[in-house]
Every structure is written in C-alpha cells, then in structure tokens.
Amino acid sequence: MKKFLLLRDIYVEAFRDWTQKILERYFKAFSVFCFILLLITFYAFIYRLSTGFAF
C-alpha cells in the first residue's frame, strides 16, 4: 500500500501544472472553434436573406 501511495504522489506532482496547461489550451481552441461556427451560421443566414429564401 505504501508503494501505491508513493507512486500516486509522484504522479500527482509530475502532472500538476501539465493538466492545467492542457485545459487552458483546450478551452482556447474550443472558444475559437465556437466563434468560427457562429461566423459560419451568420454567413449562411445573411446569404439566405439576401437570396430571398423563404423561411
């Protein structure tokens, strides 16, 4: 049991900042992806309005 706790502590210390950096990058990429999807949606809506598409 002592070996397991020691390995767990080593693992936690090794990856403490690593997970936070990955999450930060993930959320930045996700926000950029969502913004691009919103731009595509607005473009499609404006295109449909300008071509006279009946909703």
N, C-alpha and C. Protein backbone atom coordinates (compact mmCIF):
# COMPACT_ATOMS: atom_id res chain seq x y z
N MET A 1 0.82 -1.19 0.00
CA MET A 1 0.00 0.00 0.00
C MET A 1 0.86 1.25 0.00
N LYS A 2 1.99 1.15 0.69
CA LYS A 2 2.88 2.31 0.77
C LYS A 2 3.46 2.65 -0.61
N LYS A 3 3.77 1.62 -1.41
CA LYS A 3 4.28 1.84 -2.77
C LYS A 3 3.23 2.54 -3.63
N PHE A 4 1.99 2.11 -3.47
CA PHE A 4 0.91 2.70 -4.25
C PHE A 4 0.74 4.19 -3.93
N LEU A 5 0.80 4.53 -2.64
CA LEU A 5 0.68 5.93 -2.24
C LEU A 5 1.86 6.75 -2.73
N LEU A 6 3.04 6.18 -2.69
CA LEU A 6 4.23 6.88 -3.18
C LEU A 6 4.14 7.13 -4.68
N LEU A 7 3.71 6.11 -5.45
CA LEU A 7 3.55 6.29 -6.89
C LEU A 7 2.47 7.32 -7.21
N ARG A 8 1.41 7.32 -6.42
CA ARG A 8 0.34 8.30 -6.63
C ARG A 8 0.86 9.71 -6.39
N ASP A 9 1.63 9.90 -5.34
CA ASP A 9 2.19 11.22 -5.05
C ASP A 9 3.14 11.68 -6.15
N ILE A 10 3.96 10.77 -6.65
CA ILE A 10 4.88 11.11 -7.75
C ILE A 10 4.09 11.52 -8.99
N TYR A 11 3.06 10.78 -9.30
CA TYR A 11 2.22 11.07 -10.46
C TYR A 11 1.53 12.43 -10.31
N VAL A 12 0.99 12.70 -9.15
CA VAL A 12 0.30 13.97 -8.91
C VAL A 12 1.27 15.14 -9.03
N GLU A 13 2.44 15.02 -8.47
CA GLU A 13 3.42 16.10 -8.55
C GLU A 13 3.92 16.32 -9.98
N ALA A 14 4.07 15.24 -10.73
CA ALA A 14 4.61 15.35 -12.08
C ALA A 14 3.64 16.04 -13.03
N PHE A 15 2.35 15.81 -12.84
CA PHE A 15 1.37 16.31 -13.79
C PHE A 15 0.48 17.42 -13.22
N ARG A 16 0.90 18.05 -12.16
CA ARG A 16 0.07 19.09 -11.53
C ARG A 16 -0.16 20.28 -12.48
N ASP A 17 0.87 20.87 -13.02
CA ASP A 17 0.73 22.01 -13.93
C ASP A 17 0.38 21.58 -15.34
N TRP A 18 0.74 20.38 -15.71
CA TRP A 18 0.53 19.87 -17.06
C TRP A 18 -0.96 19.85 -17.42
N THR A 19 -1.79 19.37 -16.52
CA THR A 19 -3.22 19.28 -16.82
C THR A 19 -3.84 20.66 -16.94
N GLN A 20 -3.38 21.60 -16.13
CA GLN A 20 -3.93 22.95 -16.19
C GLN A 20 -3.57 23.61 -17.53
N LYS A 21 -2.35 23.40 -17.99
CA LYS A 21 -1.93 23.99 -19.27
C LYS A 21 -2.71 23.37 -20.43
N ILE A 22 -2.94 22.06 -20.36
CA ILE A 22 -3.69 21.40 -21.43
C ILE A 22 -5.13 21.89 -21.44
N LEU A 23 -5.73 22.03 -20.27
CA LEU A 23 -7.10 22.52 -20.20
C LEU A 23 -7.20 23.95 -20.71
N GLU A 24 -6.22 24.75 -20.39
CA GLU A 24 -6.22 26.13 -20.87
C GLU A 24 -6.16 26.18 -22.40
N ARG A 25 -5.29 25.38 -22.98
CA ARG A 25 -5.19 25.33 -24.44
C ARG A 25 -6.46 24.76 -25.06
N TYR A 26 -7.05 23.76 -24.42
CA TYR A 26 -8.28 23.15 -24.93
C TYR A 26 -9.40 24.17 -24.95
N PHE A 27 -9.56 24.94 -23.87
CA PHE A 27 -10.65 25.91 -23.83
C PHE A 27 -10.42 27.05 -24.81
N LYS A 28 -9.17 27.44 -25.03
CA LYS A 28 -8.90 28.46 -26.04
C LYS A 28 -9.25 27.94 -27.43
N ALA A 29 -8.86 26.73 -27.74
CA ALA A 29 -9.18 26.15 -29.05
C ALA A 29 -10.68 25.97 -29.20
N PHE A 30 -11.36 25.55 -28.13
CA PHE A 30 -12.80 25.36 -28.18
C PHE A 30 -13.53 26.68 -28.40
N SER A 31 -13.06 27.75 -27.78
CA SER A 31 -13.71 29.05 -27.96
C SER A 31 -13.50 29.57 -29.38
N VAL A 32 -12.32 29.35 -29.95
CA VAL A 32 -12.07 29.75 -31.33
C VAL A 32 -12.96 28.94 -32.27
N PHE A 33 -13.09 27.65 -32.04
CA PHE A 33 -13.94 26.78 -32.83
C PHE A 33 -15.40 27.24 -32.78
N CYS A 34 -15.89 27.58 -31.59
CA CYS A 34 -17.27 28.06 -31.45
C CYS A 34 -17.47 29.38 -32.17
N PHE A 35 -16.49 30.26 -32.09
CA PHE A 35 -16.59 31.55 -32.78
C PHE A 35 -16.64 31.34 -34.29
N ILE A 36 -15.85 30.43 -34.82
CA ILE A 36 -15.87 30.13 -36.26
C ILE A 36 -17.23 29.56 -36.66
N LEU A 37 -17.80 28.69 -35.84
CA LEU A 37 -19.12 28.14 -36.13
C LEU A 37 -20.19 29.23 -36.12
N LEU A 38 -20.09 30.18 -35.20
CA LEU A 38 -21.03 31.29 -35.19
C LEU A 38 -20.90 32.14 -36.44
N LEU A 39 -19.68 32.39 -36.88
CA LEU A 39 -19.47 33.16 -38.11
C LEU A 39 -20.08 32.45 -39.32
N ILE A 40 -19.91 31.14 -39.40
CA ILE A 40 -20.49 30.37 -40.50
C ILE A 40 -22.02 30.45 -40.46
N THR A 41 -22.58 30.37 -39.26
CA THR A 41 -24.03 30.46 -39.12
C THR A 41 -24.55 31.82 -39.55
N PHE A 42 -23.89 32.89 -39.12
CA PHE A 42 -24.32 34.23 -39.52
C PHE A 42 -24.19 34.42 -41.03
N TYR A 43 -23.12 33.89 -41.60
CA TYR A 43 -22.94 34.00 -43.05
C TYR A 43 -24.07 33.28 -43.79
N ALA A 44 -24.40 32.07 -43.35
CA ALA A 44 -25.47 31.31 -44.00
C ALA A 44 -26.81 32.02 -43.87
N PHE A 45 -27.08 32.60 -42.71
CA PHE A 45 -28.33 33.32 -42.51
C PHE A 45 -28.42 34.55 -43.40
N ILE A 46 -27.35 35.32 -43.46
CA ILE A 46 -27.34 36.53 -44.30
C ILE A 46 -27.42 36.15 -45.78
N TYR A 47 -26.76 35.08 -46.16
CA TYR A 47 -26.83 34.62 -47.54
C TYR A 47 -28.26 34.23 -47.91
N ARG A 48 -28.93 33.51 -47.01
CA ARG A 48 -30.33 33.11 -47.27
C ARG A 48 -31.24 34.31 -47.35
N LEU A 49 -31.02 35.30 -46.51
CA LEU A 49 -31.85 36.51 -46.57
C LEU A 49 -31.62 37.28 -47.85
N SER A 50 -30.38 37.35 -48.30
CA SER A 50 -30.07 38.14 -49.50
C SER A 50 -30.53 37.46 -50.78
N THR A 51 -30.68 36.14 -50.78
CA THR A 51 -31.13 35.44 -51.99
C THR A 51 -32.64 35.23 -52.01
N GLY A 52 -33.33 35.70 -50.97
CA GLY A 52 -34.78 35.60 -50.97
C GLY A 52 -35.32 34.23 -50.59
N PHE A 53 -34.60 33.50 -49.81
CA PHE A 53 -35.06 32.18 -49.37
C PHE A 53 -36.24 32.34 -48.41
N ALA A 54 -37.31 31.61 -48.66
CA ALA A 54 -38.49 31.68 -47.80
C ALA A 54 -38.29 30.78 -46.60
N PHE A 55 -38.42 31.35 -45.44
CA PHE A 55 -38.28 30.56 -44.22
C PHE A 55 -39.59 29.90 -43.96
